[in-house]
Amino acid sequence: MNFLLKKDTVVGDEKDPHVLLSLREREVLKRIVYGYSLTEIAEELSISVKTVETYKSRVMDKLNISKKSGLVAYALQ
């Protein structure tokens, strides 16, 4: 899960789809994988729950994942 912590990524590396994620999207993904609720993520990042839901949705779209369990499986690769 080290890729979740990287701040600088190079867009366009087809082998690593996580490079498509913004830093904030990676922060949200990391917390989802660690089991935080959307409310806990929102409080920790000082954003609204709706914004967290938006980031989660963007991550899932960018990684072509349809379920939360898929996010966890992706992060564990």
PDB file of N, CA and C in Angstrom:
ATOM      1  N   MET A   1       0.819  -1.202   0.000  1.00  0.00           N
ATOM      2  CA  MET A   1       0.000   0.000   0.000  1.00  0.00           C
ATOM      3  C   MET A   1       0.855   1.255   0.000  1.00  0.00           C
ATOM      4  N   ASN A   2       2.128   1.126  -0.249  1.00  0.00           N
ATOM      5  CA  ASN A   2       2.995   2.302  -0.269  1.00  0.00           C
ATOM      6  C   ASN A   2       2.580   3.317  -1.315  1.00  0.00           C
ATOM      7  N   PHE A   3       1.978   2.859  -2.418  1.00  0.00           N
ATOM      8  CA  PHE A   3       1.568   3.801  -3.446  1.00  0.00           C
ATOM      9  C   PHE A   3       0.543   4.796  -2.921  1.00  0.00           C
ATOM     10  N   LEU A   4      -0.192   4.427  -1.884  1.00  0.00           N
ATOM     11  CA  LEU A   4      -1.193   5.332  -1.320  1.00  0.00           C
ATOM     12  C   LEU A   4      -0.542   6.522  -0.634  1.00  0.00           C
ATOM     13  N   LEU A   5       0.706   6.401  -0.287  1.00  0.00           N
ATOM     14  CA  LEU A   5       1.392   7.453   0.449  1.00  0.00           C
ATOM     15  C   LEU A   5       2.217   8.363  -0.445  1.00  0.00           C
ATOM     16  N   LYS A   6       2.444   7.974  -1.688  1.00  0.00           N
ATOM     17  CA  LYS A   6       3.280   8.764  -2.581  1.00  0.00           C
ATOM     18  C   LYS A   6       2.581  10.070  -2.950  1.00  0.00           C
ATOM     19  N   LYS A   7       3.318  11.157  -2.880  1.00  0.00           N
ATOM     20  CA  LYS A   7       2.756  12.464  -3.235  1.00  0.00           C
ATOM     21  C   LYS A   7       2.957  12.769  -4.707  1.00  0.00           C
ATOM     22  N   ASP A   8       4.093  12.349  -5.269  1.00  0.00           N
ATOM     23  CA  ASP A   8       4.401  12.640  -6.655  1.00  0.00           C
ATOM     24  C   ASP A   8       4.272  11.371  -7.478  1.00  0.00           C
ATOM     25  N   THR A   9       3.469  11.468  -8.518  1.00  0.00           N
ATOM     26  CA  THR A   9       3.324  10.332  -9.411  1.00  0.00           C
ATOM     27  C   THR A   9       3.411  10.831 -10.838  1.00  0.00           C
ATOM     28  N   VAL A  10       3.716   9.924 -11.722  1.00  0.00           N
ATOM     29  CA  VAL A  10       3.798  10.272 -13.132  1.00  0.00           C
ATOM     30  C   VAL A  10       2.562   9.724 -13.815  1.00  0.00           C
ATOM     31  N   VAL A  11       1.760  10.613 -14.391  1.00  0.00           N
ATOM     32  CA  VAL A  11       0.544  10.189 -15.066  1.00  0.00           C
ATOM     33  C   VAL A  11       0.922   9.538 -16.385  1.00  0.00           C
ATOM     34  N   GLY A  12       0.235   8.450 -16.707  1.00  0.00           N
ATOM     35  CA  GLY A  12       0.451   7.806 -17.986  1.00  0.00           C
ATOM     36  C   GLY A  12       1.099   6.440 -17.889  1.00  0.00           C
ATOM     37  N   ASP A  13       1.461   5.995 -16.711  1.00  0.00           N
ATOM     38  CA  ASP A  13       2.036   4.675 -16.550  1.00  0.00           C
ATOM     39  C   ASP A  13       0.886   3.666 -16.508  1.00  0.00           C
ATOM     40  N   GLU A  14       0.683   2.951 -17.607  1.00  0.00           N
ATOM     41  CA  GLU A  14      -0.459   2.052 -17.719  1.00  0.00           C
ATOM     42  C   GLU A  14      -0.373   0.865 -16.771  1.00  0.00           C
ATOM     43  N   LYS A  15       0.811   0.510 -16.308  1.00  0.00           N
ATOM     44  CA  LYS A  15       0.968  -0.614 -15.390  1.00  0.00           C
ATOM     45  C   LYS A  15       0.439  -0.276 -14.001  1.00  0.00           C
ATOM     46  N   ASP A  16       0.416   0.968 -13.636  1.00  0.00           N
ATOM     47  CA  ASP A  16       0.013   1.410 -12.302  1.00  0.00           C
ATOM     48  C   ASP A  16      -1.154   2.388 -12.401  1.00  0.00           C
ATOM     49  N   PRO A  17      -2.396   1.894 -12.415  1.00  0.00           N
ATOM     50  CA  PRO A  17      -3.541   2.794 -12.583  1.00  0.00           C
ATOM     51  C   PRO A  17      -3.709   3.789 -11.438  1.00  0.00           C
ATOM     52  N   HIS A  18      -3.075   3.515 -10.280  1.00  0.00           N
ATOM     53  CA  HIS A  18      -3.210   4.442  -9.154  1.00  0.00           C
ATOM     54  C   HIS A  18      -2.599   5.801  -9.455  1.00  0.00           C
ATOM     55  N   VAL A  19      -1.752   5.896 -10.476  1.00  0.00           N
ATOM     56  CA  VAL A  19      -1.152   7.196 -10.796  1.00  0.00           C
ATOM     57  C   VAL A  19      -2.208   8.175 -11.303  1.00  0.00           C
ATOM     58  N   LEU A  20      -3.368   7.661 -11.664  1.00  0.00           N
ATOM     59  CA  LEU A  20      -4.465   8.526 -12.096  1.00  0.00           C
ATOM     60  C   LEU A  20      -5.124   9.247 -10.924  1.00  0.00           C
ATOM     61  N   LEU A  21      -4.845   8.781  -9.704  1.00  0.00           N
ATOM     62  CA  LEU A  21      -5.500   9.328  -8.521  1.00  0.00           C
ATOM     63  C   LEU A  21      -4.769  10.566  -8.009  1.00  0.00           C
ATOM     64  N   SER A  22      -5.559  11.541  -7.600  1.00  0.00           N
ATOM     65  CA  SER A  22      -4.981  12.728  -6.967  1.00  0.00           C
ATOM     66  C   SER A  22      -4.528  12.363  -5.550  1.00  0.00           C
ATOM     67  N   LEU A  23      -3.750  13.232  -4.960  1.00  0.00           N
ATOM     68  CA  LEU A  23      -3.298  13.006  -3.586  1.00  0.00           C
ATOM     69  C   LEU A  23      -4.493  12.836  -2.651  1.00  0.00           C
ATOM     70  N   ARG A  24      -5.494  13.684  -2.788  1.00  0.00           N
ATOM     71  CA  ARG A  24      -6.673  13.611  -1.911  1.00  0.00           C
ATOM     72  C   ARG A  24      -7.428  12.307  -2.128  1.00  0.00           C
ATOM     73  N   GLU A  25      -7.532  11.872  -3.381  1.00  0.00           N
ATOM     74  CA  GLU A  25      -8.204  10.598  -3.653  1.00  0.00           C
ATOM     75  C   GLU A  25      -7.442   9.446  -3.011  1.00  0.00           C
ATOM     76  N   ARG A  26      -6.119   9.491  -3.043  1.00  0.00           N
ATOM     77  CA  ARG A  26      -5.320   8.454  -2.380  1.00  0.00           C
ATOM     78  C   ARG A  26      -5.492   8.501  -0.874  1.00  0.00           C
ATOM     79  N   GLU A  27      -5.608   9.706  -0.308  1.00  0.00           N
ATOM     80  CA  GLU A  27      -5.826   9.830   1.141  1.00  0.00           C
ATOM     81  C   GLU A  27      -7.149   9.194   1.538  1.00  0.00           C
ATOM     82  N   VAL A  28      -8.191   9.454   0.754  1.00  0.00           N
ATOM     83  CA  VAL A  28      -9.507   8.881   1.036  1.00  0.00           C
ATOM     84  C   VAL A  28      -9.458   7.360   0.866  1.00  0.00           C
ATOM     85  N   LEU A  29      -8.844   6.886  -0.212  1.00  0.00           N
ATOM     86  CA  LEU A  29      -8.726   5.447  -0.453  1.00  0.00           C
ATOM     87  C   LEU A  29      -8.001   4.761   0.697  1.00  0.00           C
ATOM     88  N   LYS A  30      -6.912   5.339   1.146  1.00  0.00           N
ATOM     89  CA  LYS A  30      -6.148   4.751   2.250  1.00  0.00           C
ATOM     90  C   LYS A  30      -7.022   4.584   3.482  1.00  0.00           C
ATOM     91  N   ARG A  31      -7.794   5.595   3.795  1.00  0.00           N
ATOM     92  CA  ARG A  31      -8.639   5.526   4.996  1.00  0.00           C
ATOM     93  C   ARG A  31      -9.780   4.531   4.826  1.00  0.00           C
ATOM     94  N   ILE A  32     -10.333   4.435   3.634  1.00  0.00           N
ATOM     95  CA  ILE A  32     -11.373   3.438   3.372  1.00  0.00           C
ATOM     96  C   ILE A  32     -10.804   2.042   3.587  1.00  0.00           C
ATOM     97  N   VAL A  33      -9.617   1.817   3.044  1.00  0.00           N
ATOM     98  CA  VAL A  33      -8.966   0.510   3.171  1.00  0.00           C
ATOM     99  C   VAL A  33      -8.675   0.179   4.631  1.00  0.00           C
ATOM    100  N   TYR A  34      -8.329   1.189   5.426  1.00  0.00           N
ATOM    101  CA  TYR A  34      -8.055   0.969   6.850  1.00  0.00           C
ATOM    102  C   TYR A  34      -9.328   0.831   7.673  1.00  0.00           C
ATOM    103  N   GLY A  35     -10.487   0.946   7.036  1.00  0.00           N
ATOM    104  CA  GLY A  35     -11.748   0.694   7.722  1.00  0.00           C
ATOM    105  C   GLY A  35     -12.440   1.902   8.318  1.00  0.00           C
ATOM    106  N   TYR A  36     -11.974   3.099   7.997  1.00  0.00           N
ATOM    107  CA  TYR A  36     -12.629   4.303   8.495  1.00  0.00           C
ATOM    108  C   TYR A  36     -14.004   4.439   7.848  1.00  0.00           C
ATOM    109  N   SER A  37     -14.947   4.975   8.596  1.00  0.00           N
ATOM    110  CA  SER A  37     -16.254   5.292   8.018  1.00  0.00           C
ATOM    111  C   SER A  37     -16.130   6.590   7.219  1.00  0.00           C
ATOM    112  N   LEU A  38     -17.105   6.853   6.363  1.00  0.00           N
ATOM    113  CA  LEU A  38     -17.078   8.087   5.588  1.00  0.00           C
ATOM    114  C   LEU A  38     -17.113   9.313   6.503  1.00  0.00           C
ATOM    115  N   THR A  39     -17.860   9.200   7.596  1.00  0.00           N
ATOM    116  CA  THR A  39     -17.929  10.300   8.561  1.00  0.00           C
ATOM    117  C   THR A  39     -16.579  10.528   9.224  1.00  0.00           C
ATOM    118  N   GLU A  40     -15.899   9.461   9.598  1.00  0.00           N
ATOM    119  CA  GLU A  40     -14.571   9.588  10.210  1.00  0.00           C
ATOM    120  C   GLU A  40     -13.569  10.207   9.240  1.00  0.00           C
ATOM    121  N   ILE A  41     -13.652   9.788   7.985  1.00  0.00           N
ATOM    122  CA  ILE A  41     -12.754  10.354   6.966  1.00  0.00           C
ATOM    123  C   ILE A  41     -13.016  11.838   6.806  1.00  0.00           C
ATOM    124  N   ALA A  42     -14.286  12.201   6.738  1.00  0.00           N
ATOM    125  CA  ALA A  42     -14.655  13.607   6.579  1.00  0.00           C
ATOM    126  C   ALA A  42     -14.132  14.446   7.743  1.00  0.00           C
ATOM    127  N   GLU A  43     -14.297  13.948   8.949  1.00  0.00           N
ATOM    128  CA  GLU A  43     -13.828  14.685  10.125  1.00  0.00           C
ATOM    129  C   GLU A  43     -12.308  14.822  10.121  1.00  0.00           C
ATOM    130  N   GLU A  44     -11.614  13.741   9.800  1.00  0.00           N
ATOM    131  CA  GLU A  44     -10.154  13.758   9.821  1.00  0.00           C
ATOM    132  C   GLU A  44      -9.573  14.691   8.750  1.00  0.00           C
ATOM    133  N   LEU A  45     -10.222  14.744   7.588  1.00  0.00           N
ATOM    134  CA  LEU A  45      -9.713  15.565   6.485  1.00  0.00           C
ATOM    135  C   LEU A  45     -10.362  16.953   6.443  1.00  0.00           C
ATOM    136  N   SER A  46     -11.265  17.209   7.380  1.00  0.00           N
ATOM    137  CA  SER A  46     -11.972  18.500   7.458  1.00  0.00           C
ATOM    138  C   SER A  46     -12.717  18.832   6.163  1.00  0.00           C
ATOM    139  N   ILE A  47     -13.451  17.819   5.679  1.00  0.00           N
ATOM    140  CA  ILE A  47     -14.301  17.995   4.501  1.00  0.00           C
ATOM    141  C   ILE A  47     -15.649  17.373   4.817  1.00  0.00           C
ATOM    142  N   SER A  48     -16.629  17.592   3.940  1.00  0.00           N
ATOM    143  CA  SER A  48     -17.962  17.052   4.185  1.00  0.00           C
ATOM    144  C   SER A  48     -18.025  15.575   3.783  1.00  0.00           C
ATOM    145  N   VAL A  49     -19.008  14.881   4.342  1.00  0.00           N
ATOM    146  CA  VAL A  49     -19.219  13.478   4.004  1.00  0.00           C
ATOM    147  C   VAL A  49     -19.527  13.352   2.507  1.00  0.00           C
ATOM    148  N   LYS A  50     -20.288  14.283   1.975  1.00  0.00           N
ATOM    149  CA  LYS A  50     -20.615  14.271   0.536  1.00  0.00           C
ATOM    150  C   LYS A  50     -19.346  14.366  -0.303  1.00  0.00           C
ATOM    151  N   THR A  51     -18.382  15.170   0.122  1.00  0.00           N
ATOM    152  CA  THR A  51     -17.118  15.294  -0.599  1.00  0.00           C
ATOM    153  C   THR A  51     -16.348  13.985  -0.539  1.00  0.00           C
ATOM    154  N   VAL A  52     -16.368  13.324   0.607  1.00  0.00           N
ATOM    155  CA  VAL A  52     -15.718  12.020   0.738  1.00  0.00           C
ATOM    156  C   VAL A  52     -16.377  11.024  -0.214  1.00  0.00           C
ATOM    157  N   GLU A  53     -17.699  11.038  -0.275  1.00  0.00           N
ATOM    158  CA  GLU A  53     -18.422  10.147  -1.191  1.00  0.00           C
ATOM    159  C   GLU A  53     -18.019  10.421  -2.642  1.00  0.00           C
ATOM    160  N   THR A  54     -17.834  11.693  -2.972  1.00  0.00           N
ATOM    161  CA  THR A  54     -17.419  12.065  -4.326  1.00  0.00           C
ATOM    162  C   THR A  54     -16.027  11.530  -4.627  1.00  0.00           C
ATOM    163  N   TYR A  55     -15.097  11.708  -3.693  1.00  0.00           N
ATOM    164  CA  TYR A  55     -13.744  11.180  -3.892  1.00  0.00           C
ATOM    165  C   TYR A  55     -13.775   9.661  -4.037  1.00  0.00           C
ATOM    166  N   LYS A  56     -14.541   8.993  -3.202  1.00  0.00           N
ATOM    167  CA  LYS A  56     -14.647   7.537  -3.275  1.00  0.00           C
ATOM    168  C   LYS A  56     -15.179   7.108  -4.644  1.00  0.00           C
ATOM    169  N   SER A  57     -16.195   7.791  -5.110  1.00  0.00           N
ATOM    170  CA  SER A  57     -16.779   7.485  -6.411  1.00  0.00           C
ATOM    171  C   SER A  57     -15.771   7.699  -7.542  1.00  0.00           C
ATOM    172  N   ARG A  58     -15.010   8.784  -7.463  1.00  0.00           N
ATOM    173  CA  ARG A  58     -13.991   9.055  -8.483  1.00  0.00           C
ATOM    174  C   ARG A  58     -12.919   7.975  -8.496  1.00  0.00           C
ATOM    175  N   VAL A  59     -12.488   7.561  -7.297  1.00  0.00           N
ATOM    176  CA  VAL A  59     -11.473   6.508  -7.198  1.00  0.00           C
ATOM    177  C   VAL A  59     -11.995   5.233  -7.843  1.00  0.00           C
ATOM    178  N   MET A  60     -13.215   4.871  -7.508  1.00  0.00           N
ATOM    179  CA  MET A  60     -13.793   3.645  -8.046  1.00  0.00           C
ATOM    180  C   MET A  60     -13.928   3.725  -9.564  1.00  0.00           C
ATOM    181  N   ASP A  61     -14.320   4.877 -10.072  1.00  0.00           N
ATOM    182  CA  ASP A  61     -14.433   5.059 -11.522  1.00  0.00           C
ATOM    183  C   ASP A  61     -13.063   4.956 -12.189  1.00  0.00           C
ATOM    184  N   LYS A  62     -12.079   5.647 -11.642  1.00  0.00           N
ATOM    185  CA  LYS A  62     -10.738   5.661 -12.244  1.00  0.00           C
ATOM    186  C   LYS A  62     -10.086   4.287 -12.235  1.00  0.00           C
ATOM    187  N   LEU A  63     -10.366   3.499 -11.193  1.00  0.00           N
ATOM    188  CA  LEU A  63      -9.763   2.175 -11.076  1.00  0.00           C
ATOM    189  C   LEU A  63     -10.660   1.074 -11.629  1.00  0.00           C
ATOM    190  N   ASN A  64     -11.838   1.474 -12.130  1.00  0.00           N
ATOM    191  CA  ASN A  64     -12.802   0.529 -12.688  1.00  0.00           C
ATOM    192  C   ASN A  64     -13.170  -0.554 -11.676  1.00  0.00           C
ATOM    193  N   ILE A  65     -13.523  -0.093 -10.471  1.00  0.00           N
ATOM    194  CA  ILE A  65     -13.906  -0.983  -9.370  1.00  0.00           C
ATOM    195  C   ILE A  65     -15.342  -0.651  -8.988  1.00  0.00           C
ATOM    196  N   SER A  66     -16.150  -1.697  -8.767  1.00  0.00           N
ATOM    197  CA  SER A  66     -17.565  -1.445  -8.504  1.00  0.00           C
ATOM    198  C   SER A  66     -17.993  -1.648  -7.052  1.00  0.00           C
ATOM    199  N   LYS A  67     -17.133  -2.281  -6.233  1.00  0.00           N
ATOM    200  CA  LYS A  67     -17.501  -2.550  -4.839  1.00  0.00           C
ATOM    201  C   LYS A  67     -16.390  -2.116  -3.900  1.00  0.00           C
ATOM    202  N   LYS A  68     -16.784  -1.794  -2.675  1.00  0.00           N
ATOM    203  CA  LYS A  68     -15.791  -1.398  -1.665  1.00  0.00           C
ATOM    204  C   LYS A  68     -14.767  -2.494  -1.439  1.00  0.00           C
ATOM    205  N   SER A  69     -15.211  -3.731  -1.456  1.00  0.00           N
ATOM    206  CA  SER A  69     -14.274  -4.842  -1.270  1.00  0.00           C
ATOM    207  C   SER A  69     -13.228  -4.869  -2.390  1.00  0.00           C
ATOM    208  N   GLY A  70     -13.608  -4.399  -3.565  1.00  0.00           N
ATOM    209  CA  GLY A  70     -12.657  -4.295  -4.672  1.00  0.00           C
ATOM    210  C   GLY A  70     -11.578  -3.270  -4.399  1.00  0.00           C
ATOM    211  N   LEU A  71     -11.938  -2.199  -3.696  1.00  0.00           N
ATOM    212  CA  LEU A  71     -10.935  -1.193  -3.321  1.00  0.00           C
ATOM    213  C   LEU A  71      -9.907  -1.796  -2.382  1.00  0.00           C
ATOM    214  N   VAL A  72     -10.375  -2.564  -1.425  1.00  0.00           N
ATOM    215  CA  VAL A  72      -9.464  -3.199  -0.462  1.00  0.00           C
ATOM    216  C   VAL A  72      -8.564  -4.190  -1.196  1.00  0.00           C
ATOM    217  N   ALA A  73      -9.142  -5.007  -2.061  1.00  0.00           N
ATOM    218  CA  ALA A  73      -8.355  -5.983  -2.807  1.00  0.00           C
ATOM    219  C   ALA A  73      -7.313  -5.275  -3.677  1.00  0.00           C
ATOM    220  N   TYR A  74      -7.690  -4.167  -4.315  1.00  0.00           N
ATOM    221  CA  TYR A  74      -6.753  -3.409  -5.142  1.00  0.00           C
ATOM    222  C   TYR A  74      -5.586  -2.895  -4.295  1.00  0.00           C
ATOM    223  N   ALA A  75      -5.897  -2.343  -3.142  1.00  0.00           N
ATOM    224  CA  ALA A  75      -4.868  -1.766  -2.284  1.00  0.00           C
ATOM    225  C   ALA A  75      -3.905  -2.821  -1.754  1.00  0.00           C
ATOM    226  N   LEU A  76      -4.373  -4.036  -1.597  1.00  0.00           N
ATOM    227  CA  LEU A  76      -3.543  -5.102  -1.058  1.00  0.00           C
ATOM    228  C   LEU A  76      -2.639  -5.752  -2.114  1.00  0.00           C
ATOM    229  N   GLN A  77      -2.822  -5.413  -3.367  1.00  0.00           N
ATOM    230  CA  GLN A  77      -1.998  -5.981  -4.445  1.00  0.00           C
ATOM    231  C   GLN A  77      -0.548  -5.593  -4.286  1.00  0.00           C
TER     232      GLN A  77
END
